[in-house]
Structures are given as structure tokens and as C-alpha cells.
Protein backbone atom coordinates (compact mmCIF):
# COMPACT_ATOMS: atom_id res chain seq x y z
CA MET A 1 0.00 0.00 0.00
CA ASP A 2 1.28 3.45 -0.85
CA MET A 3 0.06 7.04 -1.01
CA LYS A 4 2.17 8.09 -3.98
CA GLN A 5 0.56 10.61 -6.32
CA GLU A 6 1.37 10.52 -10.01
CA GLU A 7 1.01 13.42 -12.43
CA VAL A 8 -2.55 12.14 -12.83
CA THR A 9 -4.40 12.17 -9.49
CA THR A 10 -4.48 8.69 -7.92
CA LEU A 11 -7.38 7.66 -5.70
CA HIS A 12 -6.16 4.79 -3.51
CA ASN A 13 -8.30 2.08 -1.94
CA ILE A 14 -7.16 2.56 1.64
CA ARG A 15 -10.37 2.31 3.61
CA ILE A 16 -13.28 2.83 1.23
CA ASN A 17 -16.69 2.50 2.82
CA GLU A 18 -18.35 0.71 -0.08
CA LYS A 19 -21.92 0.98 1.21
CA GLU A 20 -21.50 4.71 1.81
CA LEU A 21 -19.90 5.12 -1.62
CA ILE A 22 -22.84 3.51 -3.40
CA LYS A 23 -25.37 5.42 -1.26
CA ASN A 24 -23.72 8.71 -2.20
CA ILE A 25 -23.81 7.82 -5.90
CA ARG A 26 -27.45 6.78 -5.60
CA ASP A 27 -28.31 10.16 -4.03
CA ILE A 28 -26.40 12.14 -6.65
CA SER A 29 -27.72 10.13 -9.61
CA SER A 30 -31.13 11.84 -9.45
CA GLU A 31 -29.41 15.02 -10.61
CA ARG A 32 -26.46 13.53 -12.51
CA ARG A 33 -27.79 10.59 -14.47
CA ILE A 34 -25.58 7.54 -14.96
CA ALA A 35 -25.15 4.97 -17.73
CA ILE A 36 -23.05 1.80 -17.60
CA ILE A 37 -21.69 0.26 -20.80
CA MET A 38 -20.45 -3.33 -21.02
CA PRO A 39 -19.36 -4.38 -24.54
CA MET A 40 -19.41 -8.12 -25.13
CA LEU A 41 -19.03 -10.86 -27.71
CA TYR A 42 -21.76 -13.49 -27.95
CA GLU A 43 -19.15 -16.13 -27.02
CA GLU A 44 -18.66 -14.41 -23.66
CA LEU A 45 -22.11 -15.60 -22.61
CA GLY A 46 -20.39 -18.91 -21.91
CA ASN A 47 -17.81 -17.39 -19.56
CA ARG A 48 -18.16 -18.34 -15.91
CA SER A 49 -17.87 -14.65 -15.01
CA ILE A 50 -20.99 -13.44 -16.82
CA GLY A 51 -23.53 -14.71 -14.25
CA ASN A 52 -21.65 -12.97 -11.45
CA ILE A 53 -21.49 -9.76 -13.50
CA ALA A 54 -25.27 -9.90 -14.01
CA LYS A 55 -25.73 -10.18 -10.23
CA GLY A 56 -23.48 -7.17 -9.70
CA LEU A 57 -25.22 -5.09 -12.36
CA ASN A 58 -28.55 -5.86 -10.68
CA LYS A 59 -27.28 -3.98 -7.64
CA CYS A 60 -26.44 -0.89 -9.71
CA ASP A 61 -29.87 0.63 -9.13
CA TYR A 62 -28.35 4.11 -9.41
CA ALA A 63 -27.88 3.62 -13.18
CA GLU A 64 -30.36 5.33 -15.50
CA GLU A 65 -29.59 2.60 -18.03
CA ILE A 66 -27.25 -0.31 -18.65
CA LEU A 67 -26.14 -0.67 -22.27
CA ILE A 68 -24.69 -3.92 -23.59
CA PRO A 69 -23.28 -3.46 -27.11
CA LEU A 70 -23.20 -6.98 -28.51
CA SER A 71 -21.22 -8.56 -31.32
CA ALA A 72 -23.44 -11.42 -32.52
CA LYS A 73 -23.71 -13.19 -35.87
CA SER A 74 -27.43 -14.00 -35.88
CA LYS A 75 -30.79 -12.96 -34.50
CA GLU A 76 -30.84 -16.21 -32.50
CA GLU A 77 -27.66 -15.19 -30.69
CA PHE A 78 -29.09 -11.71 -30.07
CA GLU A 79 -32.31 -13.17 -28.63
CA HIS A 80 -30.29 -15.56 -26.46
CA VAL A 81 -28.39 -12.66 -24.90
CA LYS A 82 -31.61 -10.68 -24.46
CA LYS A 83 -33.17 -13.61 -22.62
CA PHE A 84 -30.13 -14.03 -20.37
CA PHE A 85 -30.10 -10.36 -19.31
CA SER A 86 -33.86 -10.23 -18.80
CA ARG A 87 -32.96 -10.93 -15.17
CA LEU A 88 -31.63 -7.37 -14.83
CA ASN A 89 -33.90 -5.06 -12.86
CA PRO A 90 -32.35 -1.72 -13.94
CA LYS A 91 -33.44 -0.45 -17.33
CA HIS A 92 -31.18 -2.08 -19.88
CA TYR A 93 -30.73 -2.43 -23.62
CA ILE A 94 -28.88 -5.00 -25.68
CA ILE A 95 -27.43 -3.23 -28.73
CA TRP A 96 -27.12 -5.70 -31.62
CA CYS A 97 -24.22 -3.94 -33.31
CA ASP A 98 -24.16 -6.35 -36.26
CA GLY A 99 -27.94 -6.34 -36.78
CA ASP A 100 -29.56 -5.43 -40.09
CA ARG A 101 -31.20 -2.24 -38.84
CA ILE A 102 -28.07 -0.75 -37.27
CA THR A 103 -26.08 -1.80 -40.33
CA LYS A 104 -28.59 0.00 -42.56
CA LEU A 105 -28.32 3.15 -40.41
CA LEU A 106 -24.52 3.04 -40.66
CA GLU A 107 -24.77 2.65 -44.44
CA GLU A 108 -26.95 5.76 -44.58
CA LEU A 109 -24.48 7.54 -42.32
CA LYS A 110 -21.68 6.67 -44.75
CA GLU A 111 -23.62 8.44 -47.49
CA ASP A 112 -23.64 11.48 -45.20
CA GLY A 113 -19.82 11.36 -45.03
CA ILE A 114 -19.28 9.41 -41.78
CA ASP A 115 -17.84 5.95 -42.45
CA ALA A 116 -18.21 3.83 -39.34
CA ILE A 117 -19.44 0.72 -41.13
CA LYS A 118 -15.95 -0.39 -42.19
CA TYR A 119 -15.01 -0.96 -38.55
CA LYS A 120 -15.76 -4.19 -36.76
CA GLY A 121 -14.92 -4.89 -33.15
CA LYS A 122 -14.92 -3.48 -29.66
CA GLY A 123 -14.13 0.09 -30.69
CA ARG A 124 -17.09 0.38 -33.07
CA ASP A 125 -19.44 -1.25 -30.54
CA VAL A 126 -18.33 1.11 -27.75
CA TRP A 127 -18.80 4.07 -30.12
CA LEU A 128 -22.40 3.02 -30.79
CA ALA A 129 -23.12 2.69 -27.08
CA LEU A 130 -21.58 6.09 -26.31
CA GLY A 131 -23.96 7.62 -28.84
CA ILE A 132 -26.96 6.32 -26.92
CA ALA A 133 -25.55 6.85 -23.43
CA SER A 134 -24.73 10.49 -24.18
CA LEU A 135 -28.38 11.28 -24.97
CA ASN A 136 -29.53 11.38 -21.35
CA SER A 137 -26.66 10.59 -18.98
CA TYR A 138 -24.22 12.94 -17.28
CA ALA A 139 -21.68 10.21 -16.42
CA ILE A 140 -20.84 7.05 -18.35
CA ALA A 141 -18.86 4.09 -16.98
CA LEU A 142 -17.41 1.30 -19.15
CA HIS A 143 -16.12 -2.12 -18.18
CA ASP A 144 -15.43 -5.45 -19.87
CA ALA A 145 -17.63 -8.56 -19.81
CA ASP A 146 -15.05 -11.09 -18.64
CA ILE A 147 -14.24 -9.85 -15.12
CA GLN A 148 -14.23 -12.89 -12.82
CA THR A 149 -13.82 -10.76 -9.68
CA TYR A 150 -16.68 -8.40 -10.59
CA ASP A 151 -18.96 -6.74 -8.10
CA GLU A 152 -21.06 -3.58 -8.09
CA THR A 153 -18.23 -1.52 -6.56
CA ILE A 154 -16.27 -1.50 -9.85
CA PRO A 155 -18.59 0.93 -11.69
CA ALA A 156 -19.25 2.74 -8.40
CA LYS A 157 -15.55 3.48 -7.85
CA LEU A 158 -15.14 4.65 -11.44
CA LEU A 159 -18.21 6.90 -11.26
CA PHE A 160 -17.78 8.51 -7.85
CA PRO A 161 -15.09 11.05 -8.78
CA ILE A 162 -17.12 11.92 -11.90
CA VAL A 163 -20.48 12.55 -10.23
CA GLU A 164 -19.36 13.87 -6.81
CA PRO A 165 -19.62 17.69 -7.13
CA GLU A 166 -16.88 18.22 -4.56
CA LEU A 167 -14.43 16.40 -6.87
CA ASP A 168 -15.98 16.92 -10.32
CA PHE A 169 -13.46 15.03 -12.46
CA LYS A 170 -14.25 14.50 -16.13
CA PHE A 171 -12.40 11.21 -16.69
CA SER A 172 -11.40 8.32 -14.44
CA LYS A 173 -9.37 5.24 -15.30
CA GLY A 174 -9.21 2.02 -13.32
CA TYR A 175 -6.02 0.24 -12.33
CA TYR A 176 -5.55 -3.06 -10.53
CA ALA A 177 -3.23 -5.91 -9.61
CA ARG A 178 -3.35 -8.63 -12.29
CA ILE A 179 -2.75 -11.59 -9.98
CA ASN A 180 -4.54 -14.94 -10.11
CA ILE A 181 -4.65 -15.89 -6.44
CA ASP A 182 -5.80 -19.48 -7.11
CA LYS A 183 -3.03 -20.22 -9.62
CA ASN A 184 -0.46 -18.00 -7.90
CA VAL A 185 0.40 -16.38 -11.23
CA ILE A 186 1.09 -12.82 -12.42
CA TYR A 187 -0.86 -11.83 -15.55
CA GLY A 188 -1.22 -8.49 -17.35
CA ARG A 189 1.28 -9.67 -19.96
CA VAL A 190 0.62 -7.11 -22.70
CA PHE A 191 1.20 -4.27 -20.24
CA ARG A 192 4.07 -5.83 -18.28
CA LEU A 193 5.98 -7.34 -21.19
CA PHE A 194 5.06 -5.00 -24.03
CA LEU A 195 3.69 -1.53 -23.30
CA HIS A 196 5.61 -0.74 -20.12
CA PRO A 197 9.08 -1.59 -21.53
CA LEU A 198 8.11 -0.11 -24.92
CA LEU A 199 7.40 3.31 -23.39
CA LYS A 200 10.84 3.25 -21.75
CA ALA A 201 12.50 2.13 -25.00
CA LEU A 202 10.75 4.90 -26.95
CA ARG A 203 12.13 7.48 -24.54
CA GLU A 204 15.65 6.14 -25.13
CA GLU A 205 15.27 5.93 -28.90
CA ILE A 206 13.76 9.41 -29.28
CA GLY A 207 16.34 10.93 -26.92
CA TYR A 208 13.80 12.64 -24.70
CA GLU A 209 10.33 11.92 -23.36
CA PRO A 210 7.51 13.49 -25.41
CA ASP A 211 4.71 14.84 -23.25
CA PHE A 212 2.29 12.15 -24.43
CA LEU A 213 4.66 9.36 -23.33
CA GLU A 214 5.02 11.01 -19.93
CA PHE A 215 1.23 11.23 -19.78
CA LEU A 216 0.83 7.51 -20.56
CA ARG A 217 3.49 6.54 -18.01
CA SER A 218 1.65 8.46 -15.29
CA PHE A 219 -1.17 5.89 -15.49
CA ARG A 220 -0.52 2.72 -13.55
CA TYR A 221 -2.46 0.54 -16.00
CA PRO A 222 -3.08 2.41 -19.27
CA LEU A 223 -4.53 -0.71 -20.94
CA ALA A 224 -7.37 -1.05 -18.41
CA GLY A 225 -10.76 -1.42 -20.10
CA GLU A 226 -12.47 0.11 -17.07
CA PHE A 227 -13.00 3.88 -17.19
CA ALA A 228 -15.66 6.57 -16.85
CA MET A 229 -16.25 9.98 -18.39
CA THR A 230 -18.73 12.81 -18.52
CA GLN A 231 -21.21 13.18 -21.37
CA ASP A 232 -19.42 16.15 -22.92
CA VAL A 233 -16.17 14.18 -23.10
CA ALA A 234 -17.94 11.11 -24.51
CA ILE A 235 -19.26 12.95 -27.56
CA ASP A 236 -15.87 14.57 -28.24
CA VAL A 237 -13.62 11.48 -28.50
CA ASP A 238 -12.61 9.71 -31.69
CA VAL A 239 -12.86 6.02 -30.80
CA PRO A 240 -10.29 3.65 -32.36
CA GLY A 241 -11.98 0.87 -34.29
CA ASP A 242 -9.51 -1.88 -33.29
CA TRP A 243 -7.67 -3.29 -30.23
CA GLY A 244 -5.92 0.05 -29.76
CA ILE A 245 -9.06 1.44 -28.12
CA GLU A 246 -7.59 1.98 -24.63
CA ILE A 247 -4.49 3.84 -25.85
CA GLY A 248 -6.54 5.67 -28.47
CA ILE A 249 -9.07 6.91 -25.94
CA LEU A 250 -6.26 8.04 -23.62
CA ALA A 251 -4.85 10.00 -26.57
CA GLU A 252 -8.23 11.72 -26.95
CA ILE A 253 -8.39 12.43 -23.22
CA TYR A 254 -4.86 13.87 -23.45
CA ARG A 255 -6.09 16.28 -26.16
CA ASN A 256 -9.46 17.21 -24.71
CA VAL A 257 -9.31 17.11 -20.90
CA ALA A 258 -7.19 19.19 -18.51
CA ARG A 259 -4.80 17.05 -16.45
CA LYS A 260 -6.38 18.25 -13.20
CA ARG A 261 -9.79 16.93 -14.32
CA MET A 262 -8.67 13.29 -14.72
CA CYS A 263 -7.83 10.61 -12.17
CA GLN A 264 -7.06 6.92 -11.78
CA ILE A 265 -8.84 4.60 -9.35
CA ASP A 266 -7.55 1.61 -7.41
CA LEU A 267 -9.87 -1.32 -8.23
CA GLY A 268 -7.91 -3.85 -6.14
CA ILE A 269 -7.28 -7.43 -7.29
CA TYR A 270 -8.67 -8.09 -10.76
CA GLU A 271 -9.05 -11.37 -12.63
CA HIS A 272 -10.53 -12.01 -16.06
CA LYS A 273 -10.37 -14.47 -18.93
CA HIS A 274 -6.88 -14.60 -20.39
CA GLN A 275 -6.16 -14.42 -24.10
CA GLU A 276 -3.97 -16.93 -25.91
CA ILE A 277 -0.76 -15.66 -27.51
CA GLY A 278 -2.47 -15.90 -30.92
CA ASN A 279 -1.27 -14.48 -34.23
CA LYS A 280 -1.67 -11.40 -36.44
CA LYS A 281 -5.45 -11.67 -36.28
CA THR A 282 -6.12 -13.06 -32.78
CA GLY A 283 -5.07 -12.96 -29.15
CA LEU A 284 -2.27 -11.03 -27.50
CA VAL A 285 -0.26 -10.68 -30.72
CA ARG A 286 -3.09 -8.86 -32.47
CA MET A 287 -3.47 -6.60 -29.43
CA VAL A 288 0.25 -5.79 -29.50
CA ARG A 289 0.13 -4.94 -33.20
CA ASP A 290 -2.92 -2.69 -32.91
CA ILE A 291 -1.62 -0.96 -29.79
CA PHE A 292 1.74 -0.28 -31.45
CA LYS A 293 0.14 1.18 -34.58
CA THR A 294 -2.09 3.42 -32.46
CA LEU A 295 0.91 4.56 -30.42
CA LEU A 296 2.91 5.37 -33.56
CA ARG A 297 0.00 7.38 -34.97
CA VAL A 298 -0.36 9.45 -31.80
CA LEU A 299 3.40 10.05 -31.49
CA ILE A 300 3.50 11.30 -35.07
CA GLU A 301 0.45 13.53 -34.54
CA GLU A 302 1.26 14.85 -31.06
CA GLY A 303 5.05 14.65 -30.83
CA HIS A 304 5.94 15.09 -34.52
CA ILE A 305 8.20 12.04 -34.21
CA GLN A 306 9.83 10.86 -37.45
CA VAL A 307 9.24 7.12 -37.84
CA SER A 308 11.40 5.21 -40.32
CA GLU A 309 12.57 1.64 -40.89
CA SER A 310 15.85 2.37 -39.07
CA PHE A 311 13.89 3.90 -36.16
CA LEU A 312 11.73 0.77 -35.87
CA THR A 313 14.71 -1.60 -36.10
CA SER A 314 16.61 0.24 -33.39
CA LEU A 315 13.47 0.48 -31.24
CA SER A 316 12.85 -3.28 -31.45
CA VAL A 317 16.39 -3.96 -30.16
CA LEU A 318 16.03 -1.44 -27.33
CA TYR A 319 12.59 -2.82 -26.46
CA GLN A 320 13.93 -6.36 -26.01
CA ARG A 321 16.72 -5.15 -23.71
CA VAL A 322 14.36 -3.07 -21.55
CA ALA A 323 11.80 -5.91 -21.46
CA GLN A 324 14.49 -8.33 -20.27
CA ASP A 325 15.33 -5.92 -17.43
CA CYS A 326 11.63 -5.82 -16.52
CA ILE A 327 11.48 -9.63 -16.53
CA ARG A 328 14.30 -9.76 -13.99
CA GLN A 329 12.32 -7.38 -11.78
CA TYR A 330 9.09 -9.36 -12.07
CA HIS A 331 10.99 -12.58 -11.40
CA ALA A 332 12.40 -11.13 -8.17
CA ASP A 333 8.97 -9.89 -7.08
CA ALA A 334 7.42 -13.29 -7.83
CA ILE A 335 10.08 -15.13 -5.82
CA PHE A 336 9.64 -12.74 -2.89
CA ASN A 337 5.85 -13.35 -2.91
CA SER A 338 6.05 -17.12 -3.55
CA LEU A 339 4.36 -16.75 -6.95
CA ASN A 340 4.84 -19.10 -9.88
CA TYR A 341 6.90 -17.45 -12.60
CA ASP A 342 8.04 -18.99 -15.89
CA ARG A 343 10.92 -16.74 -16.88
CA HIS A 344 11.62 -18.64 -20.11
CA ALA A 345 8.01 -18.31 -21.27
CA GLU A 346 8.09 -14.57 -20.60
CA GLU A 347 11.39 -14.15 -22.51
CA THR A 348 9.91 -16.09 -25.44
CA MET A 349 6.84 -13.88 -25.42
CA VAL A 350 8.99 -10.74 -25.54
CA GLU A 351 10.84 -12.11 -28.59
CA LYS A 352 7.51 -12.74 -30.33
CA PHE A 353 6.16 -9.30 -29.41
CA SER A 354 9.36 -7.68 -30.75
CA LYS A 355 9.04 -9.43 -34.09
CA HIS A 356 5.38 -8.46 -34.51
CA MET A 357 6.03 -4.92 -33.29
CA LEU A 358 8.59 -4.44 -36.06
CA ASP A 359 6.29 -6.01 -38.65
CA ALA A 360 3.29 -3.91 -37.56
CA GLY A 361 5.44 -0.77 -37.62
CA MET A 362 6.54 -1.47 -41.19
CA GLU A 363 2.89 -2.00 -42.16
CA TYR A 364 2.03 1.36 -40.64
CA ILE A 365 4.83 3.17 -42.51
CA LYS A 366 3.60 1.72 -45.81
CA LYS A 367 -0.05 2.50 -45.06
CA PRO A 368 -0.43 5.05 -42.25
CA VAL A 369 -4.23 4.92 -42.28
CA SER A 370 -6.16 6.08 -39.23
CA THR A 371 -8.52 3.59 -37.59
CA ARG A 372 -10.44 6.23 -35.66
CA ILE A 373 -14.21 6.56 -35.87
CA PRO A 374 -15.24 10.24 -35.98
CA ASP A 375 -16.51 11.64 -32.68
CA TRP A 376 -20.23 12.08 -32.08
CA LEU A 377 -20.04 15.87 -32.34
CA ARG A 378 -18.90 15.55 -35.96
CA THR A 379 -21.33 12.69 -36.58
CA MET A 380 -24.25 14.79 -35.34
CA SER A 381 -23.19 17.68 -37.56
CA ALA A 382 -23.49 15.31 -40.54
CA ARG A 383 -26.82 13.80 -39.41
CA ARG A 384 -28.39 15.81 -36.60
CA LYS A 385 -30.74 13.21 -35.10
CA VAL A 386 -28.60 10.12 -35.64
CA ARG A 387 -28.33 9.27 -31.92
CA GLU A 388 -32.11 9.40 -31.57
CA GLU A 389 -32.48 7.18 -34.65
CA LEU A 390 -30.00 4.72 -33.20
CA PHE A 391 -31.80 4.63 -29.85
CA GLU A 392 -35.17 4.12 -31.53
CA ILE A 393 -33.81 1.03 -33.30
CA VAL A 394 -32.33 -0.37 -30.10
CA ALA A 395 -35.46 0.35 -28.03
CA GLU A 396 -37.71 -1.38 -30.58
CA GLU A 397 -35.43 -4.40 -30.82
CA ASN A 398 -35.51 -4.75 -27.02
CA GLU A 399 -39.31 -4.71 -26.70
């Protein structure tokens, strides 16, 4: 336990009175309405965590609405998810992001000059949900659908600094310890073995630390999928359409929100379903590739960094060295805490990440195309009532 403050305000879990916290949010929510968004794949309905999440969401009676943007291939899958979440007492909507009616609306939107239909995945689904949530809610919390240690305090902790007038933050980001207590294993591999050492290597390669890198390093877990924001922020962020969503949204927060109006929240021990290593199109490798491309784009835009083949080659060498130093540190921490730690497996993973980082970087140089979906402010300027049209579809499909 520590009380260290980063450049971004850190709210520690020292002695939180959880009942009092939720009571305060419940009282405030009559004036500052709240929405909770939980994006999910249909396959996640089979996760052992989803029943526990439903129980926790049922206790979030302070929420004006719970939105579940769903990636599903058929109407049968959509109806299955609707039936499962019919147990929720708070008002809730399943958003069938791949459904015919939403697809038709997105096709019409493309004709108006906003092309969101080419994106598939978490980013696009979150963007759709933000459009609906921002219609009536002051504060919007987001979390993933595979949290095995979920309870109702997760959205409550994220929302409190947003809705509490005495604090009045505009953005909060969760952080947590990625430890599996049952297996005695450290997880959080993409952050520990890729992003954390990469940010250090970038600083060495560039020769100084651009402000955006310093900003990212001030967050204890920048890849956390748990965060909250106010309605005005939600409609003013370009959402990445791929696995770079967490870094991409932080880049938008960096541009649009004053540092003093953002914070990070201690969510304690956190466990979720773990991805396989995968390849270019799946798992941790795909995440690494998308994150790296997003990071390169932001560094070019914000820091005016010149990215070349020689830059990428040198960076990949530096990254491996810094990652190996990190592995030694994690190994020592694991031994001290009697945790299982496969040092060889972690070294092998770093080698694989380095190879794909270089490959993804070369892809980006050859085709530096943005994967960002335009923010809702721009979208509404192209089609004024599009959020209302989207909500009407979702409401009818949930009747």
C-alpha cells in the first residue's frame, strides 16, 4: 500500500466504505444521471464470469440505463443474450451492433460522409453505445464482460469522482493488480511485457520523453478497459476501431481534458479471462500490433516524431533489452511473494512481441491509415438526429 501521487491524481483504496460510496452515488444520480456500458461478444455468454457480473449489475440501481453493445452473428444469438439479461432489474438495452437495422443506419451515415461501417470490433461497438448513453446521462462508466472478480463496486468506484460535485473530475481510469490468487500467477502480460518496456525504449530511442509518453506513463495501468467519463467528453472522442481502443481513448483524453480533471482509481485485485498468444489476427499478438500502430500514430500527430525503418529496427532492439530488465524485476517480485513465474516463457513472449512490433510498424509506414471513428459531435453535424435514430432502433429491438 502506498500514497504516492502521479502526475494524474491517484485515488487509492485505503479504507473505502463501499456501502457509503454507493449510497452517495445513488443520491447524486437523481441530478447527474448515470449509464453503464459493457461491450461483449456473444461467445462471452459462456464465460463463468458473466452470471456474477449480471448479479453485480442488478445492484447498480443508481444507473439510468445499462447498455450492452453486442457482437453477434445472428438474431438467435441476439435473442439468447436478451433472454439471459432479462434478469436485470435496472433499465437495460442489448445493442445488436451487427444487426440489419443498425447496419442500414450506418450505411446511410456513410452516405452522409461518416464511415463507421468499415469498422468491426470493440471500438465500433463502444462508439455506438456512447452515442446512446450520451443522450440522457451525465456520467458514463465502461467495463469489460469477462471480469471474474466483478462486483457492483467496480462501476461505483469509477463513477464517484465523476459525479461527486466536490471532486468533479471528467475522466477516471481504473487500475488493478493482475494476480490470479488461485493459480499464484502474475498476468497483465501485454502491459508488463510490451507496453511498459516499450514506453521506456521509446524514450531512449527518441532521446527525450515526449509529453504524451510522460502522460501515458503516469497511469498505472493504461490498458485497463475500465473507465468513466462525462457526457461532454464522450461525444468529443474519436474512438479507435480496433484493439488500440484503450491507448486511443487516452490519446483523446490527453487532447481534450485538462490534467487536473482526470484521475485513476484503485480497483484492487482483478481477474478475467486470459487471451492466448495468438497471431496477427487473434489474441495477444493482435493486441500488440494494434496498440503499437495506435501509439505510432499518436506520437507522429502529437510529438511530430519521425518514424522510419531504421527507427523501428533500433526500437525493437532497445525494447527487447528493456523488457528483459523488466522480466528480472518481475521474477524477483514473484520469488519474494512465492508466486509461480516462468521466466523462459516470458522471454519467449517478448521475442515474439518484438518481431510483430517491427512487422506492424513497417505495415504502418507503408499505409499510415487512421482507424479512428469520428466523434459524435462531428457525426451529429453530418446527421443531426442520428443518436435518436439509433436509440429508436435499439429500443424497438428490445421490446
